[in-house]
N, C-alpha and C. Protein backbone atom coordinates (compact mmCIF):
# COMPACT_ATOMS: atom_id res chain seq x y z
N MET A 1 34.50 -56.31 -82.30
CA MET A 1 35.33 -55.85 -81.19
C MET A 1 34.48 -55.78 -79.92
N ASN A 2 35.03 -56.26 -78.80
CA ASN A 2 34.31 -56.23 -77.53
C ASN A 2 34.07 -54.79 -77.07
N LYS A 3 32.92 -54.59 -76.45
CA LYS A 3 32.62 -53.29 -75.84
C LYS A 3 33.44 -53.15 -74.56
N THR A 4 33.78 -51.91 -74.21
CA THR A 4 34.54 -51.63 -72.99
C THR A 4 33.85 -50.53 -72.21
N PHE A 5 33.66 -50.79 -70.92
CA PHE A 5 33.00 -49.83 -70.04
C PHE A 5 33.99 -49.23 -69.06
N GLY A 6 33.84 -47.96 -68.77
CA GLY A 6 34.51 -47.36 -67.63
C GLY A 6 33.68 -47.62 -66.39
N VAL A 7 34.35 -47.96 -65.29
CA VAL A 7 33.66 -48.23 -64.02
C VAL A 7 34.24 -47.30 -62.96
N ILE A 8 33.38 -46.47 -62.35
CA ILE A 8 33.83 -45.53 -61.33
C ILE A 8 33.65 -46.16 -59.95
N LEU A 9 34.74 -46.33 -59.23
CA LEU A 9 34.70 -46.83 -57.86
C LEU A 9 34.90 -45.67 -56.89
N SER A 10 34.36 -45.84 -55.68
CA SER A 10 34.38 -44.73 -54.71
C SER A 10 35.11 -45.09 -53.42
N GLY A 11 36.04 -46.02 -53.52
CA GLY A 11 36.76 -46.50 -52.35
C GLY A 11 36.56 -47.99 -52.21
N CYS A 12 36.59 -48.51 -50.98
CA CYS A 12 36.49 -49.96 -50.77
C CYS A 12 35.79 -50.23 -49.44
N GLY A 13 34.53 -50.62 -49.51
CA GLY A 13 33.77 -50.91 -48.30
C GLY A 13 32.48 -50.11 -48.25
N HIS A 14 31.36 -50.77 -48.01
CA HIS A 14 30.06 -50.14 -48.24
C HIS A 14 29.77 -48.96 -47.33
N GLN A 15 30.39 -48.88 -46.15
CA GLN A 15 30.06 -47.79 -45.25
C GLN A 15 30.77 -46.48 -45.60
N ASP A 16 31.90 -46.57 -46.26
CA ASP A 16 32.65 -45.34 -46.58
C ASP A 16 33.27 -45.35 -47.97
N GLY A 17 32.94 -46.35 -48.78
CA GLY A 17 33.51 -46.47 -50.12
C GLY A 17 32.56 -47.22 -51.04
N ALA A 18 33.11 -47.86 -52.07
CA ALA A 18 32.30 -48.65 -52.99
C ALA A 18 31.80 -49.92 -52.29
N GLU A 19 30.56 -50.30 -52.56
CA GLU A 19 30.01 -51.54 -52.04
C GLU A 19 30.70 -52.69 -52.78
N ILE A 20 31.41 -53.53 -52.06
CA ILE A 20 32.29 -54.51 -52.69
C ILE A 20 31.52 -55.54 -53.50
N HIS A 21 30.38 -56.01 -53.00
CA HIS A 21 29.59 -56.97 -53.77
C HIS A 21 29.13 -56.34 -55.09
N GLU A 22 28.61 -55.13 -55.01
CA GLU A 22 28.11 -54.47 -56.22
C GLU A 22 29.24 -54.22 -57.21
N ALA A 23 30.37 -53.75 -56.72
CA ALA A 23 31.49 -53.47 -57.61
C ALA A 23 32.02 -54.75 -58.25
N THR A 24 32.25 -55.78 -57.44
CA THR A 24 32.81 -57.02 -57.96
C THR A 24 31.85 -57.71 -58.92
N LEU A 25 30.57 -57.73 -58.58
CA LEU A 25 29.61 -58.40 -59.45
C LEU A 25 29.34 -57.60 -60.72
N THR A 26 29.55 -56.30 -60.68
CA THR A 26 29.50 -55.51 -61.92
C THR A 26 30.63 -55.92 -62.84
N LEU A 27 31.83 -56.04 -62.29
CA LEU A 27 32.98 -56.47 -63.11
C LEU A 27 32.75 -57.88 -63.64
N TRP A 28 32.23 -58.76 -62.79
CA TRP A 28 31.90 -60.13 -63.22
C TRP A 28 30.89 -60.11 -64.37
N ALA A 29 29.84 -59.28 -64.23
CA ALA A 29 28.80 -59.24 -65.27
C ALA A 29 29.36 -58.71 -66.59
N ILE A 30 30.26 -57.75 -66.51
CA ILE A 30 30.85 -57.22 -67.74
C ILE A 30 31.61 -58.31 -68.48
N HIS A 31 32.45 -59.05 -67.79
CA HIS A 31 33.19 -60.13 -68.44
C HIS A 31 32.27 -61.29 -68.84
N LYS A 32 31.27 -61.59 -68.03
CA LYS A 32 30.32 -62.66 -68.36
C LYS A 32 29.64 -62.39 -69.69
N ASN A 33 29.39 -61.12 -69.96
CA ASN A 33 28.70 -60.75 -71.19
C ASN A 33 29.67 -60.34 -72.30
N ARG A 34 30.91 -60.81 -72.18
CA ARG A 34 31.92 -60.69 -73.23
C ARG A 34 32.28 -59.23 -73.54
N ALA A 35 32.25 -58.42 -72.52
CA ALA A 35 32.72 -57.04 -72.64
C ALA A 35 33.95 -56.88 -71.75
N ASP A 36 34.51 -55.70 -71.71
CA ASP A 36 35.70 -55.45 -70.88
C ASP A 36 35.48 -54.17 -70.10
N TYR A 37 36.39 -53.88 -69.18
CA TYR A 37 36.24 -52.70 -68.34
C TYR A 37 37.59 -52.10 -67.99
N GLN A 38 37.54 -50.83 -67.62
CA GLN A 38 38.66 -50.14 -66.99
C GLN A 38 38.12 -49.42 -65.77
N CYS A 39 38.70 -49.70 -64.61
CA CYS A 39 38.26 -49.05 -63.39
C CYS A 39 38.91 -47.68 -63.24
N PHE A 40 38.14 -46.76 -62.67
CA PHE A 40 38.60 -45.40 -62.36
C PHE A 40 38.13 -45.03 -60.96
N ALA A 41 38.80 -44.06 -60.37
CA ALA A 41 38.35 -43.46 -59.11
C ALA A 41 38.96 -42.07 -58.99
N PRO A 42 38.26 -41.15 -58.35
CA PRO A 42 38.86 -39.83 -58.15
C PRO A 42 40.04 -39.92 -57.17
N ASP A 43 41.08 -39.17 -57.45
CA ASP A 43 42.28 -39.16 -56.61
C ASP A 43 42.09 -38.10 -55.52
N ILE A 44 41.28 -38.46 -54.52
CA ILE A 44 40.92 -37.53 -53.45
C ILE A 44 40.89 -38.28 -52.12
N LEU A 45 40.86 -37.56 -51.03
CA LEU A 45 40.69 -38.18 -49.73
C LEU A 45 39.23 -38.59 -49.52
N GLN A 46 39.04 -39.70 -48.82
CA GLN A 46 37.69 -40.11 -48.44
C GLN A 46 37.05 -39.07 -47.51
N HIS A 47 35.73 -39.04 -47.51
CA HIS A 47 35.00 -38.18 -46.57
C HIS A 47 35.38 -38.52 -45.13
N HIS A 48 35.40 -39.81 -44.82
CA HIS A 48 35.89 -40.31 -43.53
C HIS A 48 36.15 -41.81 -43.67
N VAL A 49 36.76 -42.39 -42.66
CA VAL A 49 37.07 -43.82 -42.65
C VAL A 49 36.34 -44.45 -41.48
N LEU A 50 35.55 -45.49 -41.75
CA LEU A 50 34.76 -46.14 -40.71
C LEU A 50 35.24 -47.56 -40.45
N ASN A 51 35.14 -47.98 -39.21
CA ASN A 51 35.34 -49.38 -38.84
C ASN A 51 34.09 -50.14 -39.27
N HIS A 52 34.24 -51.11 -40.15
CA HIS A 52 33.08 -51.79 -40.70
C HIS A 52 32.47 -52.81 -39.74
N ILE A 53 33.06 -52.99 -38.57
CA ILE A 53 32.45 -53.82 -37.53
C ILE A 53 31.61 -52.97 -36.60
N THR A 54 32.17 -51.85 -36.16
CA THR A 54 31.48 -51.01 -35.19
C THR A 54 30.72 -49.85 -35.82
N GLY A 55 31.09 -49.46 -37.03
CA GLY A 55 30.49 -48.29 -37.66
C GLY A 55 31.06 -46.97 -37.19
N LYS A 56 32.07 -47.03 -36.32
CA LYS A 56 32.64 -45.80 -35.76
C LYS A 56 33.80 -45.30 -36.62
N GLU A 57 34.00 -43.97 -36.57
CA GLU A 57 35.12 -43.37 -37.30
C GLU A 57 36.45 -43.83 -36.70
N MET A 58 37.45 -43.97 -37.57
CA MET A 58 38.73 -44.52 -37.16
C MET A 58 39.81 -43.48 -36.95
N GLY A 59 39.50 -42.20 -37.22
CA GLY A 59 40.47 -41.16 -36.96
C GLY A 59 41.69 -41.22 -37.85
N GLU A 60 41.50 -41.61 -39.10
CA GLU A 60 42.59 -41.65 -40.06
C GLU A 60 42.08 -41.19 -41.41
N GLN A 61 43.00 -40.97 -42.34
CA GLN A 61 42.62 -40.56 -43.69
C GLN A 61 43.05 -41.61 -44.70
N ARG A 62 42.22 -41.83 -45.70
CA ARG A 62 42.56 -42.74 -46.79
C ARG A 62 42.19 -42.08 -48.11
N ASN A 63 42.88 -42.51 -49.15
CA ASN A 63 42.68 -41.97 -50.50
C ASN A 63 41.71 -42.86 -51.27
N VAL A 64 40.73 -42.26 -51.93
CA VAL A 64 39.70 -43.01 -52.64
C VAL A 64 40.31 -43.88 -53.74
N LEU A 65 41.23 -43.32 -54.51
CA LEU A 65 41.86 -44.07 -55.61
C LEU A 65 42.65 -45.26 -55.07
N ILE A 66 43.42 -45.05 -54.03
CA ILE A 66 44.24 -46.13 -53.46
C ILE A 66 43.36 -47.22 -52.86
N GLU A 67 42.29 -46.82 -52.17
CA GLU A 67 41.39 -47.82 -51.59
C GLU A 67 40.65 -48.60 -52.68
N ALA A 68 40.20 -47.90 -53.73
CA ALA A 68 39.49 -48.56 -54.82
C ALA A 68 40.39 -49.54 -55.56
N ALA A 69 41.69 -49.29 -55.53
CA ALA A 69 42.64 -50.21 -56.18
C ALA A 69 42.60 -51.60 -55.57
N ARG A 70 42.12 -51.72 -54.33
CA ARG A 70 41.97 -53.04 -53.71
C ARG A 70 40.98 -53.89 -54.50
N ILE A 71 39.87 -53.27 -54.92
CA ILE A 71 38.86 -53.99 -55.70
C ILE A 71 39.34 -54.25 -57.11
N ALA A 72 40.02 -53.28 -57.69
CA ALA A 72 40.49 -53.38 -59.09
C ALA A 72 41.78 -54.17 -59.22
N ARG A 73 42.31 -54.69 -58.11
CA ARG A 73 43.57 -55.44 -58.11
C ARG A 73 44.70 -54.61 -58.71
N GLY A 74 44.65 -53.31 -58.44
CA GLY A 74 45.70 -52.39 -58.88
C GLY A 74 45.53 -51.84 -60.27
N ASN A 75 44.63 -52.42 -61.06
CA ASN A 75 44.43 -51.96 -62.44
C ASN A 75 43.37 -50.85 -62.44
N ILE A 76 43.79 -49.66 -62.07
CA ILE A 76 42.86 -48.55 -61.93
C ILE A 76 43.58 -47.26 -62.31
N LYS A 77 42.79 -46.29 -62.79
CA LYS A 77 43.35 -45.01 -63.21
C LYS A 77 42.62 -43.87 -62.51
N PRO A 78 43.29 -42.72 -62.35
CA PRO A 78 42.59 -41.54 -61.82
C PRO A 78 41.44 -41.16 -62.73
N LEU A 79 40.31 -40.81 -62.14
CA LEU A 79 39.12 -40.51 -62.93
C LEU A 79 39.33 -39.33 -63.86
N ALA A 80 40.25 -38.45 -63.54
CA ALA A 80 40.54 -37.31 -64.42
C ALA A 80 41.00 -37.76 -65.80
N GLU A 81 41.46 -39.02 -65.92
CA GLU A 81 41.94 -39.53 -67.20
C GLU A 81 40.84 -40.17 -68.03
N TYR A 82 39.63 -40.28 -67.51
CA TYR A 82 38.52 -40.88 -68.27
C TYR A 82 38.16 -40.03 -69.47
N ARG A 83 37.99 -40.68 -70.62
CA ARG A 83 37.57 -40.00 -71.84
C ARG A 83 36.40 -40.77 -72.45
N ALA A 84 35.27 -40.13 -72.56
CA ALA A 84 34.07 -40.80 -73.02
C ALA A 84 34.22 -41.37 -74.42
N GLU A 85 35.04 -40.73 -75.26
CA GLU A 85 35.17 -41.21 -76.64
C GLU A 85 35.87 -42.56 -76.73
N ILE A 86 36.57 -42.94 -75.68
CA ILE A 86 37.32 -44.20 -75.69
C ILE A 86 36.44 -45.38 -75.28
N PHE A 87 35.39 -45.10 -74.49
CA PHE A 87 34.60 -46.17 -73.89
C PHE A 87 33.20 -46.23 -74.49
N ASP A 88 32.56 -47.39 -74.30
CA ASP A 88 31.22 -47.61 -74.84
C ASP A 88 30.12 -47.30 -73.83
N GLY A 89 30.50 -47.01 -72.60
CA GLY A 89 29.54 -46.68 -71.56
C GLY A 89 30.24 -46.50 -70.24
N LEU A 90 29.47 -46.11 -69.23
CA LEU A 90 30.01 -45.79 -67.91
C LEU A 90 29.12 -46.44 -66.86
N VAL A 91 29.73 -47.06 -65.83
CA VAL A 91 28.98 -47.72 -64.77
C VAL A 91 29.46 -47.19 -63.41
N ILE A 92 28.51 -46.94 -62.51
CA ILE A 92 28.84 -46.48 -61.17
C ILE A 92 28.18 -47.39 -60.15
N PRO A 93 28.94 -48.30 -59.52
CA PRO A 93 28.39 -49.09 -58.41
C PRO A 93 28.08 -48.18 -57.22
N GLY A 94 27.27 -48.71 -56.29
CA GLY A 94 26.86 -47.93 -55.14
C GLY A 94 27.75 -48.12 -53.93
N GLY A 95 27.16 -48.06 -52.76
CA GLY A 95 27.89 -47.98 -51.51
C GLY A 95 27.85 -46.54 -51.03
N PHE A 96 28.04 -46.33 -49.72
CA PHE A 96 27.99 -44.97 -49.19
C PHE A 96 29.09 -44.08 -49.77
N GLY A 97 30.15 -44.70 -50.31
CA GLY A 97 31.18 -43.88 -50.95
C GLY A 97 30.64 -43.09 -52.11
N ALA A 98 29.64 -43.64 -52.82
CA ALA A 98 29.03 -42.90 -53.92
C ALA A 98 28.35 -41.63 -53.41
N ALA A 99 27.80 -41.71 -52.19
CA ALA A 99 27.07 -40.59 -51.62
C ALA A 99 27.91 -39.72 -50.69
N LYS A 100 29.15 -40.16 -50.40
CA LYS A 100 30.04 -39.40 -49.52
C LYS A 100 31.30 -38.90 -50.22
N ASN A 101 31.83 -39.72 -51.13
CA ASN A 101 33.09 -39.39 -51.80
C ASN A 101 32.89 -38.86 -53.22
N LEU A 102 31.95 -39.47 -53.95
CA LEU A 102 31.70 -39.01 -55.32
C LEU A 102 30.80 -37.78 -55.33
N CYS A 103 29.99 -37.63 -54.29
CA CYS A 103 29.15 -36.45 -54.15
C CYS A 103 28.88 -36.26 -52.66
N THR A 104 28.10 -35.25 -52.32
CA THR A 104 27.82 -34.97 -50.91
C THR A 104 26.38 -35.29 -50.55
N TYR A 105 25.76 -36.21 -51.29
CA TYR A 105 24.35 -36.51 -51.07
C TYR A 105 24.07 -36.97 -49.64
N ALA A 106 24.96 -37.76 -49.05
CA ALA A 106 24.72 -38.28 -47.70
C ALA A 106 24.53 -37.16 -46.69
N ALA A 107 25.18 -36.03 -46.90
CA ALA A 107 25.08 -34.89 -45.99
C ALA A 107 24.08 -33.85 -46.46
N ASP A 108 23.98 -33.65 -47.77
CA ASP A 108 23.25 -32.50 -48.30
C ASP A 108 21.98 -32.84 -49.07
N GLY A 109 21.69 -34.13 -49.25
CA GLY A 109 20.48 -34.51 -49.97
C GLY A 109 20.43 -33.92 -51.37
N PRO A 110 19.26 -33.46 -51.81
CA PRO A 110 19.12 -32.96 -53.18
C PRO A 110 19.90 -31.69 -53.46
N GLU A 111 20.44 -31.05 -52.44
CA GLU A 111 21.27 -29.86 -52.65
C GLU A 111 22.75 -30.23 -52.77
N CYS A 112 23.04 -31.50 -52.96
CA CYS A 112 24.42 -31.99 -52.95
C CYS A 112 25.23 -31.43 -54.12
N THR A 113 26.54 -31.46 -53.94
CA THR A 113 27.47 -31.17 -55.02
C THR A 113 28.14 -32.47 -55.43
N VAL A 114 28.57 -32.53 -56.68
CA VAL A 114 29.19 -33.73 -57.24
C VAL A 114 30.64 -33.42 -57.57
N ASN A 115 31.55 -34.31 -57.21
CA ASN A 115 32.96 -34.18 -57.56
C ASN A 115 33.07 -33.85 -59.05
N GLU A 116 33.89 -32.89 -59.42
CA GLU A 116 33.91 -32.40 -60.79
C GLU A 116 34.36 -33.47 -61.78
N ASP A 117 35.30 -34.33 -61.40
CA ASP A 117 35.71 -35.40 -62.31
C ASP A 117 34.56 -36.38 -62.55
N VAL A 118 33.78 -36.66 -61.50
CA VAL A 118 32.61 -37.52 -61.65
C VAL A 118 31.58 -36.86 -62.54
N ALA A 119 31.31 -35.59 -62.27
CA ALA A 119 30.31 -34.87 -63.06
C ALA A 119 30.70 -34.81 -64.53
N GLU A 120 31.96 -34.55 -64.82
CA GLU A 120 32.40 -34.46 -66.21
C GLU A 120 32.33 -35.82 -66.90
N ALA A 121 32.65 -36.89 -66.18
CA ALA A 121 32.54 -38.23 -66.76
C ALA A 121 31.10 -38.53 -67.15
N VAL A 122 30.15 -38.18 -66.27
CA VAL A 122 28.74 -38.39 -66.56
C VAL A 122 28.28 -37.51 -67.71
N ARG A 123 28.61 -36.23 -67.66
CA ARG A 123 28.18 -35.30 -68.72
C ARG A 123 28.73 -35.70 -70.08
N SER A 124 30.01 -36.01 -70.13
CA SER A 124 30.62 -36.32 -71.42
C SER A 124 30.09 -37.62 -72.01
N THR A 125 29.81 -38.60 -71.15
CA THR A 125 29.24 -39.86 -71.63
C THR A 125 27.83 -39.64 -72.15
N HIS A 126 27.06 -38.82 -71.42
CA HIS A 126 25.69 -38.52 -71.86
C HIS A 126 25.70 -37.73 -73.16
N ARG A 127 26.61 -36.76 -73.29
CA ARG A 127 26.70 -35.99 -74.54
C ARG A 127 27.04 -36.90 -75.72
N ALA A 128 27.85 -37.91 -75.46
CA ALA A 128 28.24 -38.85 -76.52
C ALA A 128 27.16 -39.87 -76.84
N LYS A 129 26.02 -39.77 -76.13
CA LYS A 129 24.87 -40.67 -76.33
C LYS A 129 25.25 -42.13 -76.08
N LYS A 130 26.06 -42.31 -75.04
CA LYS A 130 26.46 -43.65 -74.62
C LYS A 130 25.78 -43.99 -73.30
N PRO A 131 25.52 -45.28 -73.05
CA PRO A 131 24.75 -45.64 -71.86
C PRO A 131 25.52 -45.43 -70.56
N ILE A 132 24.75 -45.12 -69.52
CA ILE A 132 25.29 -44.96 -68.16
C ILE A 132 24.50 -45.87 -67.24
N GLY A 133 25.20 -46.69 -66.47
CA GLY A 133 24.56 -47.56 -65.50
C GLY A 133 24.88 -47.11 -64.09
N ALA A 134 23.90 -47.20 -63.19
CA ALA A 134 24.11 -46.81 -61.79
C ALA A 134 23.40 -47.80 -60.89
N LEU A 135 24.09 -48.23 -59.85
CA LEU A 135 23.57 -49.23 -58.94
C LEU A 135 23.32 -48.61 -57.56
N CYS A 136 22.29 -49.11 -56.87
CA CYS A 136 22.03 -48.76 -55.48
C CYS A 136 21.75 -47.26 -55.34
N ILE A 137 22.55 -46.52 -54.58
CA ILE A 137 22.33 -45.10 -54.35
C ILE A 137 22.95 -44.22 -55.45
N ALA A 138 23.77 -44.81 -56.32
CA ALA A 138 24.47 -44.02 -57.34
C ALA A 138 23.56 -43.26 -58.30
N PRO A 139 22.30 -43.68 -58.54
CA PRO A 139 21.45 -42.86 -59.41
C PRO A 139 21.29 -41.41 -58.95
N VAL A 140 21.47 -41.13 -57.65
CA VAL A 140 21.34 -39.72 -57.21
C VAL A 140 22.39 -38.85 -57.89
N ILE A 141 23.54 -39.43 -58.22
CA ILE A 141 24.58 -38.67 -58.92
C ILE A 141 24.09 -38.28 -60.30
N LEU A 142 23.46 -39.23 -61.01
CA LEU A 142 22.95 -38.94 -62.35
C LEU A 142 21.85 -37.88 -62.28
N ALA A 143 20.98 -38.00 -61.29
CA ALA A 143 19.91 -37.02 -61.15
C ALA A 143 20.47 -35.63 -60.92
N ARG A 144 21.48 -35.52 -60.07
CA ARG A 144 22.04 -34.21 -59.76
C ARG A 144 22.79 -33.62 -60.95
N VAL A 145 23.54 -34.44 -61.68
CA VAL A 145 24.34 -33.93 -62.80
C VAL A 145 23.48 -33.64 -64.01
N LEU A 146 22.57 -34.57 -64.35
CA LEU A 146 21.80 -34.43 -65.59
C LEU A 146 20.48 -33.70 -65.38
N GLY A 147 19.94 -33.75 -64.15
CA GLY A 147 18.68 -33.07 -63.87
C GLY A 147 17.49 -33.66 -64.59
N LYS A 148 17.57 -34.93 -64.93
CA LYS A 148 16.49 -35.59 -65.65
C LYS A 148 16.71 -37.10 -65.60
N GLY A 149 15.74 -37.84 -66.11
CA GLY A 149 15.90 -39.27 -66.23
C GLY A 149 14.91 -40.06 -65.40
N THR A 150 14.56 -41.23 -65.90
CA THR A 150 13.75 -42.19 -65.16
C THR A 150 14.68 -43.27 -64.64
N MET A 151 14.66 -43.53 -63.35
CA MET A 151 15.63 -44.43 -62.74
C MET A 151 15.02 -45.08 -61.51
N THR A 152 15.80 -45.90 -60.82
CA THR A 152 15.29 -46.54 -59.60
C THR A 152 16.32 -46.51 -58.48
N ILE A 153 15.83 -46.27 -57.29
CA ILE A 153 16.60 -46.51 -56.06
C ILE A 153 15.80 -47.46 -55.18
N GLY A 154 14.97 -48.32 -55.82
CA GLY A 154 14.13 -49.24 -55.09
C GLY A 154 12.81 -48.60 -54.74
N SER A 155 12.44 -48.64 -53.45
CA SER A 155 11.13 -48.14 -53.04
C SER A 155 11.19 -47.13 -51.90
N ASP A 156 12.37 -46.64 -51.57
CA ASP A 156 12.50 -45.68 -50.48
C ASP A 156 11.88 -44.34 -50.87
N GLN A 157 10.83 -43.96 -50.13
CA GLN A 157 10.08 -42.77 -50.51
C GLN A 157 10.85 -41.47 -50.32
N ALA A 158 11.67 -41.40 -49.26
CA ALA A 158 12.44 -40.18 -49.03
C ALA A 158 13.44 -39.94 -50.16
N THR A 159 14.13 -41.00 -50.58
CA THR A 159 15.10 -40.85 -51.67
C THR A 159 14.38 -40.57 -52.98
N ALA A 160 13.20 -41.18 -53.18
CA ALA A 160 12.42 -40.92 -54.39
C ALA A 160 12.03 -39.45 -54.47
N LYS A 161 11.66 -38.85 -53.32
CA LYS A 161 11.32 -37.42 -53.31
C LYS A 161 12.54 -36.56 -53.63
N ASN A 162 13.69 -36.98 -53.15
CA ASN A 162 14.92 -36.24 -53.44
C ASN A 162 15.27 -36.33 -54.93
N LEU A 163 15.07 -37.50 -55.53
CA LEU A 163 15.28 -37.62 -56.97
C LEU A 163 14.38 -36.64 -57.72
N ALA A 164 13.13 -36.59 -57.31
CA ALA A 164 12.18 -35.69 -57.97
C ALA A 164 12.62 -34.23 -57.81
N ALA A 165 13.15 -33.90 -56.65
CA ALA A 165 13.63 -32.53 -56.41
C ALA A 165 14.80 -32.18 -57.31
N MET A 166 15.53 -33.20 -57.75
CA MET A 166 16.68 -32.97 -58.64
C MET A 166 16.30 -33.13 -60.11
N GLY A 167 15.02 -33.40 -60.39
CA GLY A 167 14.55 -33.44 -61.78
C GLY A 167 14.39 -34.81 -62.37
N ALA A 168 14.64 -35.87 -61.59
CA ALA A 168 14.51 -37.24 -62.08
C ALA A 168 13.27 -37.90 -61.48
N GLU A 169 12.94 -39.08 -61.98
CA GLU A 169 11.77 -39.81 -61.51
C GLU A 169 12.18 -41.20 -61.07
N ASN A 170 11.72 -41.61 -59.88
CA ASN A 170 11.99 -42.96 -59.39
C ASN A 170 10.88 -43.91 -59.80
N MET A 171 11.29 -45.09 -60.28
CA MET A 171 10.36 -46.18 -60.55
C MET A 171 10.64 -47.28 -59.54
N PRO A 172 9.68 -47.63 -58.67
CA PRO A 172 9.93 -48.67 -57.67
C PRO A 172 10.27 -50.01 -58.33
N THR A 173 11.20 -50.72 -57.72
CA THR A 173 11.63 -52.01 -58.23
C THR A 173 11.84 -52.98 -57.09
N ARG A 174 11.92 -54.26 -57.45
CA ARG A 174 12.25 -55.31 -56.51
C ARG A 174 13.69 -55.78 -56.77
N GLN A 175 14.15 -56.68 -55.92
CA GLN A 175 15.53 -57.17 -56.01
C GLN A 175 15.81 -57.74 -57.41
N GLY A 176 16.95 -57.33 -57.97
CA GLY A 176 17.39 -57.86 -59.26
C GLY A 176 16.79 -57.19 -60.47
N GLU A 177 15.78 -56.35 -60.26
CA GLU A 177 15.12 -55.69 -61.39
C GLU A 177 15.92 -54.47 -61.83
N ILE A 178 15.66 -54.03 -63.05
CA ILE A 178 16.29 -52.83 -63.58
C ILE A 178 15.24 -51.90 -64.16
N ILE A 179 15.61 -50.64 -64.28
CA ILE A 179 14.82 -49.66 -65.02
C ILE A 179 15.69 -49.14 -66.16
N VAL A 180 15.15 -49.17 -67.36
CA VAL A 180 15.87 -48.71 -68.55
C VAL A 180 15.19 -47.45 -69.08
N ASP A 181 15.91 -46.34 -69.05
CA ASP A 181 15.48 -45.09 -69.66
C ASP A 181 16.15 -45.03 -71.02
N GLU A 182 15.43 -45.50 -72.05
CA GLU A 182 16.04 -45.59 -73.38
C GLU A 182 16.34 -44.22 -73.97
N HIS A 183 15.51 -43.25 -73.67
CA HIS A 183 15.73 -41.90 -74.24
C HIS A 183 17.04 -41.31 -73.73
N ASN A 184 17.29 -41.42 -72.44
CA ASN A 184 18.52 -40.87 -71.86
C ASN A 184 19.64 -41.89 -71.74
N LYS A 185 19.37 -43.14 -72.14
CA LYS A 185 20.35 -44.22 -72.08
C LYS A 185 20.91 -44.40 -70.66
N ILE A 186 19.98 -44.47 -69.70
CA ILE A 186 20.31 -44.68 -68.30
C ILE A 186 19.72 -46.02 -67.86
N VAL A 187 20.53 -46.85 -67.21
CA VAL A 187 20.06 -48.12 -66.68
C VAL A 187 20.40 -48.16 -65.19
N THR A 188 19.42 -48.50 -64.37
CA THR A 188 19.63 -48.50 -62.92
C THR A 188 19.04 -49.76 -62.29
N THR A 189 19.58 -50.13 -61.12
CA THR A 189 19.09 -51.29 -60.37
C THR A 189 19.26 -51.00 -58.88
N PRO A 190 18.36 -51.47 -58.00
CA PRO A 190 18.34 -51.01 -56.61
C PRO A 190 19.38 -51.62 -55.68
N CYS A 191 19.79 -52.86 -55.92
CA CYS A 191 20.79 -53.53 -55.08
C CYS A 191 20.48 -53.40 -53.60
N TYR A 192 21.42 -52.86 -52.81
CA TYR A 192 21.24 -52.82 -51.36
C TYR A 192 20.40 -51.63 -50.88
N MET A 193 19.75 -50.92 -51.78
CA MET A 193 18.69 -50.01 -51.35
C MET A 193 17.50 -50.83 -50.86
N LEU A 194 17.47 -52.10 -51.22
CA LEU A 194 16.49 -53.06 -50.72
C LEU A 194 17.22 -54.09 -49.87
N ASN A 195 16.47 -54.88 -49.13
CA ASN A 195 17.04 -55.97 -48.33
C ASN A 195 17.36 -57.13 -49.27
N SER A 196 18.56 -57.11 -49.87
CA SER A 196 18.91 -58.03 -50.94
C SER A 196 19.94 -59.05 -50.50
N ARG A 197 19.89 -60.22 -51.14
CA ARG A 197 20.94 -61.23 -51.00
C ARG A 197 22.00 -60.98 -52.06
N VAL A 198 23.17 -61.55 -51.85
CA VAL A 198 24.26 -61.30 -52.79
C VAL A 198 23.95 -61.86 -54.18
N ASP A 199 23.20 -62.97 -54.27
CA ASP A 199 22.85 -63.49 -55.59
C ASP A 199 21.90 -62.55 -56.31
N GLN A 200 21.05 -61.83 -55.56
CA GLN A 200 20.16 -60.85 -56.18
C GLN A 200 20.93 -59.63 -56.66
N ILE A 201 22.02 -59.30 -55.96
CA ILE A 201 22.90 -58.24 -56.44
C ILE A 201 23.51 -58.65 -57.78
N GLY A 202 23.94 -59.91 -57.87
CA GLY A 202 24.51 -60.41 -59.12
C GLY A 202 23.50 -60.38 -60.25
N THR A 203 22.26 -60.75 -59.96
CA THR A 203 21.21 -60.72 -60.99
C THR A 203 20.99 -59.29 -61.48
N GLY A 204 20.93 -58.34 -60.55
CA GLY A 204 20.72 -56.95 -60.94
C GLY A 204 21.87 -56.42 -61.78
N ALA A 205 23.11 -56.74 -61.36
CA ALA A 205 24.28 -56.27 -62.12
C ALA A 205 24.29 -56.88 -63.52
N ASP A 206 23.97 -58.17 -63.61
CA ASP A 206 23.95 -58.85 -64.90
C ASP A 206 22.88 -58.24 -65.81
N ASN A 207 21.69 -58.03 -65.27
CA ASN A 207 20.62 -57.42 -66.06
C ASN A 207 20.99 -56.02 -66.52
N LEU A 208 21.64 -55.26 -65.64
CA LEU A 208 22.05 -53.89 -65.98
C LEU A 208 23.06 -53.89 -67.13
N ILE A 209 24.07 -54.73 -67.04
CA ILE A 209 25.09 -54.76 -68.10
C ILE A 209 24.50 -55.24 -69.41
N GLN A 210 23.64 -56.24 -69.37
CA GLN A 210 23.00 -56.70 -70.61
C GLN A 210 22.20 -55.58 -71.27
N ALA A 211 21.48 -54.82 -70.45
CA ALA A 211 20.69 -53.70 -71.00
C ALA A 211 21.60 -52.62 -71.57
N MET A 212 22.70 -52.34 -70.90
CA MET A 212 23.64 -51.35 -71.42
C MET A 212 24.22 -51.78 -72.75
N LEU A 213 24.53 -53.04 -72.88
CA LEU A 213 25.07 -53.54 -74.15
C LEU A 213 24.03 -53.41 -75.27
N ARG A 214 22.78 -53.61 -74.94
CA ARG A 214 21.73 -53.43 -75.97
C ARG A 214 21.62 -51.98 -76.39
N LEU A 215 21.92 -51.06 -75.47
CA LEU A 215 21.83 -49.63 -75.77
C LEU A 215 23.05 -49.09 -76.52
N CYS A 216 24.13 -49.86 -76.52
CA CYS A 216 25.36 -49.39 -77.18
C CYS A 216 25.14 -49.22 -78.68
C-alpha cells in the first residue's frame, strides 16, 4: 500500500503564505516517489495580505485555508481534521506564511507561539513515531513545538541562534541538501533560506520525501 503524507499549507504566496515552488514541488516529489498526500491548512485569517509585486500591505483580509486551496486545487481539509494515525508522516513547506500564519516567529522570534492545530499535528505525529519534514523556515515550528531536534535552515546565523534558544540545533547546508535526524524522525531542507534556483528547490523536496519514506 502506498504511503500517504499530510501536507500543511499556510496560504498561497511566499510573502504572506506558503511558498508556491516549495509546496508544489513537495507534492510533485510525493507522487514521484509513489506516495500520496492530503493537503491541510488552518481555517484562520492570514496575518496580513501583501502585494507580491510591491511588498506592501493590501488592506484586506484573506483566509489561510481558502488561499491554500489554490495550491491544492480545492482538495484540502481544515487542519483540525488531521489525525496522525491515518497518515504515514507530515510535511510543512515554508514561505513567510509558516512564520506568520502557522506561528508568530516572524514577529516574536524564539518566543513565538504556534497555532494550536499546527502544534497538535506536530505533537501527535511525533508521538506516533512518524516522520516530519519541514522546508525553508518551517523547522522553527518543529523547534518551538518539540523543543529538540537536529535540523537545518541553511546557514543563517541569526535563525540558527533562535533554533538553539528553542532547544534545537542547526546544521548548515547547501542548496538541495537535507538533514536527517533519525532519532526524532525529522527531515529538513533549506530551500529559499539560501539563494536557490527552482530546480534546487525540487532536488531538496525530492531528497526530503525520499528520506521520509525510508524513515516510515
